[in-house]
Amino acid sequence: MTLVSSDNELYASFYGQRRASARRAEDTPVERERLIADNLLFPHYHEEIRFAALSLTDEGVQYYGPCSIVLSDFAIRNRTTVFERNSVEFCKENRLGAGAPLPPGYRAVWDARDKLAAAKLHGQLKHDDTEVNFQRLLLNNAQQACADFVEVQVYGPIHRRAIMNITVGSPVTASDEALVIELEKRAAEVNVRVVRKYAAS
């Protein structure tokens, strides 16, 4: 909601939120693993990275929340890379760190995202696969903690005018519905489409 509410708002990275005292640092295994992975993949500029997931539909990884934002190609194509999977999980499972650098072949520029996805999934693809099945393979187990997806890594801030559309899952309460209505109003100011995946009450 905050991102689409004003032209003065920007989507801050995890580290930017901590610098602004908008997010508390936690000494947990996940945060320690994130620090290691980010420094390995983005040396000296990890604080500028925002993460997303590659999708063929308007929906992302529902495990992280019921709303998904689709970014416009023109807004990110020159500052985005893609990675075979969740980079934190990749580094953890392959025991990567200072003494074990990132192996080549798992990251690509934005314009080669189709090649990276095909290389990752080639063993599961069939010549008569449908787009629906390819989306299921591309973004697998999207509602679970073990979600498997091609990670999108965007350098720099994200502005509301970089948004193409927003998908909203089913609200839980009447106050959630009120937020969706306000979101639609704010999004309309910059011609951003809000897609409801449920029938409005």
Protein backbone atom coordinates (compact mmCIF):
# COMPACT_ATOMS: atom_id res chain seq x y z
CA MET A 1 0.00 0.00 0.00
CA THR A 2 2.75 2.45 0.97
CA LEU A 3 4.62 1.96 -2.30
CA VAL A 4 1.64 2.88 -4.50
CA SER A 5 0.40 5.70 -2.27
CA SER A 6 2.76 8.42 -3.49
CA ASP A 7 5.35 9.34 -6.11
CA ASN A 8 7.72 10.03 -3.21
CA GLU A 9 7.72 6.42 -2.02
CA LEU A 10 10.34 3.83 -3.03
CA TYR A 11 10.58 0.13 -2.27
CA ALA A 12 13.55 -0.20 0.08
CA SER A 13 15.80 -3.24 0.23
CA PHE A 14 16.14 -5.38 3.36
CA TYR A 15 19.34 -3.52 4.23
CA GLY A 16 17.83 -0.13 3.44
CA GLN A 17 15.02 -0.83 5.88
CA ARG A 18 17.55 -1.67 8.57
CA ARG A 19 19.56 1.51 7.88
CA ALA A 20 16.38 3.57 8.19
CA SER A 21 15.52 1.85 11.48
CA ALA A 22 12.38 0.53 9.79
CA ARG A 23 13.38 -3.08 10.36
CA ARG A 24 15.02 -4.72 13.33
CA ALA A 25 18.16 -6.80 12.77
CA GLU A 26 17.79 -10.38 13.98
CA ASP A 27 20.62 -12.72 14.88
CA THR A 28 19.04 -15.80 13.31
CA PRO A 29 20.45 -18.53 11.04
CA VAL A 30 18.40 -17.20 8.10
CA GLU A 31 19.76 -13.66 8.44
CA ARG A 32 23.33 -14.92 8.79
CA GLU A 33 22.88 -17.08 5.69
CA ARG A 34 21.42 -14.08 3.84
CA LEU A 35 24.46 -11.95 4.69
CA ILE A 36 26.84 -14.64 3.40
CA ALA A 37 24.90 -15.25 0.18
CA ASP A 38 24.38 -11.57 -0.62
CA ASN A 39 28.04 -10.68 -0.11
CA LEU A 40 29.04 -13.62 -2.30
CA LEU A 41 26.67 -12.79 -5.16
CA PHE A 42 26.74 -8.99 -4.92
CA PRO A 43 30.13 -7.93 -3.50
CA HIS A 44 30.17 -4.28 -2.39
CA TYR A 45 26.62 -3.60 -3.67
CA HIS A 46 24.42 -6.15 -1.91
CA GLU A 47 22.50 -3.41 -0.09
CA GLU A 48 21.04 -2.24 -3.41
CA ILE A 49 19.40 -5.54 -4.43
CA ARG A 50 15.65 -6.22 -4.35
CA PHE A 51 14.45 -9.80 -4.86
CA ALA A 52 11.54 -11.19 -6.86
CA ALA A 53 10.54 -14.39 -8.67
CA LEU A 54 10.18 -15.18 -12.37
CA SER A 55 6.58 -16.00 -13.32
CA LEU A 56 4.47 -16.47 -16.44
CA THR A 57 1.32 -15.26 -14.68
CA ASP A 58 0.27 -12.38 -12.43
CA GLU A 59 1.04 -14.44 -9.33
CA GLY A 60 4.29 -14.86 -7.44
CA VAL A 61 5.37 -16.89 -4.42
CA GLN A 62 2.20 -16.95 -2.32
CA TYR A 63 4.16 -18.27 0.67
CA TYR A 64 5.49 -14.73 1.19
CA GLY A 65 2.03 -13.14 1.12
CA PRO A 66 -1.30 -12.94 -0.72
CA CYS A 67 -0.31 -10.01 -2.96
CA SER A 68 2.02 -10.01 -5.96
CA ILE A 69 3.46 -7.08 -7.91
CA VAL A 70 4.33 -7.47 -11.60
CA LEU A 71 7.09 -5.08 -12.68
CA SER A 72 7.31 -3.55 -16.14
CA ASP A 73 10.06 -4.90 -18.36
CA PHE A 74 11.26 -1.42 -19.35
CA ALA A 75 11.75 -0.46 -15.69
CA ILE A 76 14.08 -3.30 -14.74
CA ARG A 77 15.61 -4.92 -17.83
CA ASN A 78 18.91 -2.99 -17.71
CA ARG A 79 19.50 -3.56 -13.98
CA THR A 80 18.33 -7.11 -13.36
CA THR A 81 19.84 -10.57 -13.27
CA VAL A 82 18.20 -13.95 -12.72
CA PHE A 83 19.50 -16.85 -10.63
CA GLU A 84 18.62 -20.54 -10.94
CA ARG A 85 16.89 -20.64 -7.55
CA ASN A 86 16.69 -18.96 -4.15
CA SER A 87 20.28 -17.77 -3.75
CA VAL A 88 20.34 -18.23 0.03
CA GLU A 89 19.25 -21.86 -0.25
CA PHE A 90 21.69 -22.43 -3.11
CA CYS A 91 24.67 -21.11 -1.14
CA LYS A 92 23.67 -23.02 1.98
CA GLU A 93 23.20 -26.35 0.22
CA ASN A 94 26.46 -26.00 -1.71
CA ARG A 95 28.39 -24.79 1.37
CA LEU A 96 29.57 -21.66 -0.42
CA GLY A 97 31.44 -18.87 1.32
CA ALA A 98 34.79 -17.10 1.44
CA GLY A 99 36.71 -20.26 0.61
CA ALA A 100 34.20 -21.57 -1.94
CA PRO A 101 33.25 -18.99 -4.59
CA LEU A 102 30.05 -19.03 -6.61
CA PRO A 103 30.39 -21.49 -9.53
CA PRO A 104 29.62 -20.21 -13.04
CA GLY A 105 26.50 -21.07 -14.98
CA TYR A 106 23.73 -20.31 -12.50
CA ARG A 107 23.10 -16.62 -13.21
CA ALA A 108 22.09 -14.76 -16.36
CA VAL A 109 21.17 -11.26 -17.53
CA TRP A 110 17.48 -10.40 -17.79
CA ASP A 111 17.32 -10.86 -21.56
CA ALA A 112 18.61 -14.45 -21.18
CA ARG A 113 16.10 -15.46 -18.50
CA ASP A 114 14.40 -17.90 -20.87
CA LYS A 115 17.68 -19.72 -21.47
CA LEU A 116 18.41 -19.96 -17.73
CA ALA A 117 14.91 -21.32 -17.05
CA ALA A 118 15.24 -23.86 -19.87
CA ALA A 119 18.66 -24.97 -18.62
CA LYS A 120 17.29 -25.45 -15.12
CA LEU A 121 14.16 -27.34 -16.17
CA HIS A 122 15.29 -29.16 -19.31
CA GLY A 123 15.08 -32.58 -17.65
CA GLN A 124 11.42 -32.02 -16.76
CA LEU A 125 10.22 -30.46 -20.02
CA LYS A 126 8.30 -32.37 -22.70
CA HIS A 127 7.79 -31.42 -26.31
CA ASP A 128 4.01 -31.13 -25.83
CA ASP A 129 4.12 -29.20 -22.54
CA THR A 130 1.47 -26.54 -22.07
CA GLU A 131 2.12 -23.03 -20.76
CA VAL A 132 0.22 -23.94 -17.59
CA ASN A 133 2.53 -26.86 -16.89
CA PHE A 134 5.63 -24.80 -17.62
CA GLN A 135 4.45 -22.18 -15.13
CA ARG A 136 4.01 -24.95 -12.53
CA LEU A 137 7.59 -26.07 -13.13
CA LEU A 138 8.94 -22.53 -13.22
CA LEU A 139 7.33 -21.58 -9.91
CA ASN A 140 6.88 -24.82 -7.99
CA ASN A 141 5.25 -25.25 -4.56
CA ALA A 142 4.54 -21.51 -4.53
CA GLN A 143 2.44 -21.71 -1.36
CA GLN A 144 5.05 -23.53 0.71
CA ALA A 145 8.33 -22.66 2.44
CA CYS A 146 10.09 -25.02 0.03
CA ALA A 147 8.95 -22.99 -3.01
CA ASP A 148 11.30 -23.46 -5.97
CA PHE A 149 11.62 -20.58 -8.43
CA VAL A 150 14.00 -18.61 -10.61
CA GLU A 151 15.15 -15.71 -8.43
CA VAL A 152 15.03 -12.20 -9.92
CA GLN A 153 17.63 -9.74 -8.59
CA VAL A 154 16.86 -6.07 -9.24
CA TYR A 155 19.50 -3.41 -8.61
CA GLY A 156 18.28 -0.12 -7.18
CA PRO A 157 14.98 1.27 -5.91
CA ILE A 158 11.55 0.40 -7.25
CA HIS A 159 9.02 3.19 -7.83
CA ARG A 160 5.27 2.78 -8.22
CA ARG A 161 5.54 3.76 -11.89
CA ALA A 162 7.62 0.61 -12.44
CA ILE A 163 4.58 -1.50 -11.53
CA MET A 164 2.50 -3.01 -14.33
CA ASN A 165 -0.18 -4.66 -12.20
CA ILE A 166 -0.91 -6.00 -8.73
CA THR A 167 -2.59 -9.31 -7.91
CA VAL A 168 -4.51 -9.65 -4.65
CA GLY A 169 -5.53 -12.93 -3.04
CA SER A 170 -8.66 -13.34 -0.97
CA PRO A 171 -8.93 -10.87 1.96
CA VAL A 172 -9.50 -12.38 5.40
CA THR A 173 -11.48 -9.57 7.01
CA ALA A 174 -13.65 -6.59 6.13
CA SER A 175 -10.73 -4.30 6.96
CA ASP A 176 -8.61 -6.20 4.41
CA GLU A 177 -11.29 -5.53 1.80
CA ALA A 178 -11.18 -1.83 2.70
CA LEU A 179 -7.42 -1.87 2.10
CA VAL A 180 -7.92 -3.47 -1.32
CA ILE A 181 -10.40 -0.74 -2.28
CA GLU A 182 -7.92 1.93 -1.22
CA LEU A 183 -5.17 0.10 -3.11
CA GLU A 184 -7.28 0.14 -6.27
CA LYS A 185 -7.81 3.87 -5.89
CA ARG A 186 -4.11 4.62 -5.42
CA ALA A 187 -3.05 2.28 -8.23
CA ALA A 188 -5.50 3.91 -10.64
CA GLU A 189 -3.63 7.21 -10.20
CA VAL A 190 -0.70 5.74 -12.17
CA ASN A 191 -2.74 3.40 -14.41
CA VAL A 192 -1.73 0.26 -12.49
CA ARG A 193 -4.24 -2.58 -12.77
CA VAL A 194 -5.28 -4.43 -9.62
CA VAL A 195 -6.32 -8.05 -10.29
CA ARG A 196 -8.57 -9.64 -7.68
CA LYS A 197 -8.34 -13.41 -7.42
CA TYR A 198 -11.68 -13.47 -5.59
CA ALA A 199 -15.16 -12.04 -5.98
CA ALA A 200 -15.62 -8.65 -4.33
CA SER A 201 -18.26 -8.59 -1.62
